[in-house]
Amino acid sequence: MVDEKLAQNRKRYEKKRVQKHVSFNSETEKDLLAFADSVDFSQWVKAMIRERLGGKPQPQSS
């Protein structure tokens, strides 16, 4: 019963998510790739977009 409920909740959550993929050339963009690997890339991108849109940055959880 609990497993079914958990599966339903996950399925509902996944329907709301949208993923955007970013490609890096491992030979010519090593510096960019190294930076992307050194931060929480998803949260960093969201913060940069919010900043660009003029919104207040949301606190990041550790």
Protein backbone atom coordinates (compact mmCIF):
# COMPACT_ATOMS: atom_id res chain seq x y z
CA MET A 1 0.00 0.00 0.00
CA VAL A 2 2.75 2.46 0.97
CA ASP A 3 4.81 1.44 -2.08
CA GLU A 4 1.84 2.04 -4.37
CA LYS A 5 1.23 5.48 -2.87
CA LEU A 6 4.92 6.35 -3.21
CA ALA A 7 4.92 5.22 -6.84
CA GLN A 8 1.84 7.33 -7.57
CA ASN A 9 3.42 10.39 -5.95
CA ARG A 10 6.64 9.94 -7.94
CA LYS A 11 4.69 9.55 -11.17
CA ARG A 12 2.73 12.74 -10.45
CA TYR A 13 5.95 14.62 -9.63
CA GLU A 14 7.68 13.43 -12.80
CA LYS A 15 4.79 14.70 -14.93
CA LYS A 16 5.47 18.22 -13.63
CA ARG A 17 9.22 18.16 -14.33
CA VAL A 18 10.90 19.43 -17.49
CA GLN A 19 14.56 18.74 -18.16
CA LYS A 20 16.82 20.84 -20.36
CA HIS A 21 20.09 19.28 -21.44
CA VAL A 22 23.37 21.11 -21.95
CA SER A 23 26.20 19.66 -24.02
CA PHE A 24 29.88 20.41 -23.51
CA ASN A 25 32.69 19.57 -25.91
CA SER A 26 35.16 17.71 -23.71
CA GLU A 27 38.12 18.89 -25.79
CA THR A 28 37.38 22.57 -26.42
CA GLU A 29 35.25 23.43 -23.38
CA LYS A 30 37.16 21.75 -20.57
CA ASP A 31 37.02 24.89 -18.43
CA LEU A 32 33.24 25.11 -18.72
CA LEU A 33 32.82 21.43 -17.97
CA ALA A 34 35.11 21.67 -14.93
CA PHE A 35 33.05 24.56 -13.57
CA ALA A 36 29.76 22.76 -14.24
CA ASP A 37 31.09 19.74 -12.34
CA SER A 38 32.17 21.89 -9.38
CA VAL A 39 28.75 23.38 -8.58
CA ASP A 40 25.19 22.16 -8.10
CA PHE A 41 24.63 22.87 -11.77
CA SER A 42 20.83 22.69 -11.76
CA GLN A 43 20.48 25.12 -8.86
CA TRP A 44 23.19 27.41 -10.27
CA VAL A 45 21.44 27.66 -13.63
CA LYS A 46 18.09 28.37 -11.96
CA ALA A 47 19.68 31.13 -9.84
CA MET A 48 21.26 32.72 -12.93
CA ILE A 49 17.93 32.65 -14.78
CA ARG A 50 16.13 34.20 -11.81
CA GLU A 51 18.82 36.89 -11.59
CA ARG A 52 18.51 37.64 -15.30
CA LEU A 53 14.73 37.91 -14.96
CA GLY A 54 15.12 40.35 -12.09
CA GLY A 55 13.79 38.06 -9.40
CA LYS A 56 15.21 37.58 -5.97
CA PRO A 57 17.53 34.59 -5.67
CA GLN A 58 16.04 31.82 -3.60
CA PRO A 59 18.14 30.45 -0.76
CA GLN A 60 19.98 27.28 -1.73
CA SER A 61 19.77 24.30 0.56
CA SER A 62 22.97 22.46 1.35
